[in-house]
């Protein structure tokens, strides 16, 4: 996560095989945030998707849910949960 030139928060999601995509924070409170991705290819849905995530912050941990929706007329949706921890 970092501050964008416009003043908002932006970040990047990275998977172990090397795929990455950018995200931006849509809303934020003391212990939660909602962020949305730029369009990216989902290997699971085999389609371009935009992913919206809702997460809770607790210390160095982030847990939450996500929903990836196909961007082009298809009704493909992928939902799930995630957990992450800050690397030191």
Protein backbone atom coordinates (compact mmCIF):
# COMPACT_ATOMS: atom_id res chain seq x y z
CA UNK A 1 0.00 0.00 0.00
CA UNK A 2 1.14 3.55 -0.75
CA UNK A 3 -0.30 7.01 -1.22
CA UNK A 4 -1.16 7.88 -4.83
CA UNK A 5 -0.30 11.30 -6.33
CA UNK A 6 -4.01 12.18 -6.00
CA UNK A 7 -3.87 11.48 -2.24
CA UNK A 8 -5.72 8.14 -2.09
CA UNK A 9 -4.33 4.73 -1.18
CA UNK A 10 -3.25 2.32 -3.89
CA UNK A 11 -1.67 -1.09 -3.67
CA UNK A 12 -0.79 -4.19 -5.58
CA UNK A 13 -1.92 -7.79 -5.24
CA UNK A 14 0.78 -10.34 -6.04
CA UNK A 15 0.42 -14.09 -6.34
CA UNK A 16 3.31 -16.50 -5.87
CA UNK A 17 3.54 -17.47 -9.59
CA UNK A 18 4.31 -13.80 -10.34
CA UNK A 19 0.98 -12.37 -11.50
CA UNK A 20 0.25 -8.87 -10.16
CA UNK A 21 -2.52 -6.32 -10.49
CA UNK A 22 -3.18 -2.87 -9.02
CA UNK A 23 -5.93 -2.04 -6.53
CA UNK A 24 -7.30 1.20 -5.09
CA UNK A 25 -9.06 1.83 -1.80
CA UNK A 26 -12.76 2.65 -2.20
CA UNK A 27 -13.53 3.23 1.50
CA UNK A 28 -11.74 2.94 4.82
CA UNK A 29 -12.44 3.12 8.55
CA UNK A 30 -10.33 2.56 11.69
CA UNK A 31 -10.10 -1.22 11.21
CA UNK A 32 -11.58 -2.04 7.81
CA UNK A 33 -11.17 -1.21 4.15
CA UNK A 34 -12.83 -1.91 0.83
CA UNK A 35 -10.67 -1.99 -2.28
CA UNK A 36 -11.22 -2.69 -5.96
CA UNK A 37 -8.85 -4.00 -8.61
CA UNK A 38 -8.06 -2.84 -12.08
CA UNK A 39 -9.34 -5.28 -14.74
CA UNK A 40 -7.14 -8.38 -14.82
CA UNK A 41 -7.24 -11.94 -16.14
CA UNK A 42 -8.67 -14.55 -13.77
CA UNK A 43 -7.06 -17.95 -14.38
CA UNK A 44 -9.97 -19.60 -12.55
CA UNK A 45 -12.81 -17.91 -14.48
CA UNK A 46 -10.75 -17.61 -17.69
CA UNK A 47 -12.08 -14.07 -18.18
CA UNK A 48 -11.21 -10.44 -17.49
CA UNK A 49 -12.52 -9.54 -14.02
CA UNK A 50 -12.68 -6.71 -11.52
CA UNK A 51 -12.26 -7.87 -7.93
CA UNK A 52 -13.82 -6.09 -4.95
CA UNK A 53 -12.51 -6.99 -1.50
CA UNK A 54 -13.69 -6.14 2.01
CA UNK A 55 -11.02 -6.57 4.68
CA UNK A 56 -10.51 -6.16 8.43
CA UNK A 57 -7.18 -4.98 9.84
CA UNK A 58 -5.92 -6.42 13.12
CA UNK A 59 -2.30 -5.71 14.05
CA UNK A 60 -0.18 -6.99 11.15
CA UNK A 61 -3.01 -9.19 9.79
CA UNK A 62 -5.61 -8.60 7.10
CA UNK A 63 -8.60 -10.95 6.68
CA UNK A 64 -11.63 -10.63 4.47
CA UNK A 65 -13.73 -11.65 1.52
CA UNK A 66 -13.50 -11.01 -2.22
CA UNK A 67 -15.78 -11.16 -5.23
CA UNK A 68 -14.36 -11.26 -8.77
CA UNK A 69 -16.86 -10.44 -11.54
CA UNK A 70 -16.31 -10.84 -15.27
CA UNK A 71 -16.19 -7.47 -17.03
CA UNK A 72 -17.65 -8.53 -20.40
CA UNK A 73 -21.31 -9.51 -20.34
CA UNK A 74 -20.74 -12.91 -18.75
CA UNK A 75 -22.33 -13.85 -15.43
CA UNK A 76 -19.11 -15.38 -14.14
CA UNK A 77 -18.46 -14.67 -10.43
CA UNK A 78 -15.85 -16.03 -8.04
CA UNK A 79 -16.22 -15.48 -4.29
CA UNK A 80 -13.91 -16.42 -1.46
CA UNK A 81 -12.06 -15.55 1.73
CA UNK A 82 -8.44 -14.56 2.29
CA UNK A 83 -5.91 -13.91 5.03
CA UNK A 84 -2.62 -12.03 4.79
CA UNK A 85 0.16 -10.89 7.11
CA UNK A 86 2.76 -8.16 6.79
CA UNK A 87 6.17 -9.47 5.78
CA UNK A 88 9.10 -8.30 7.86
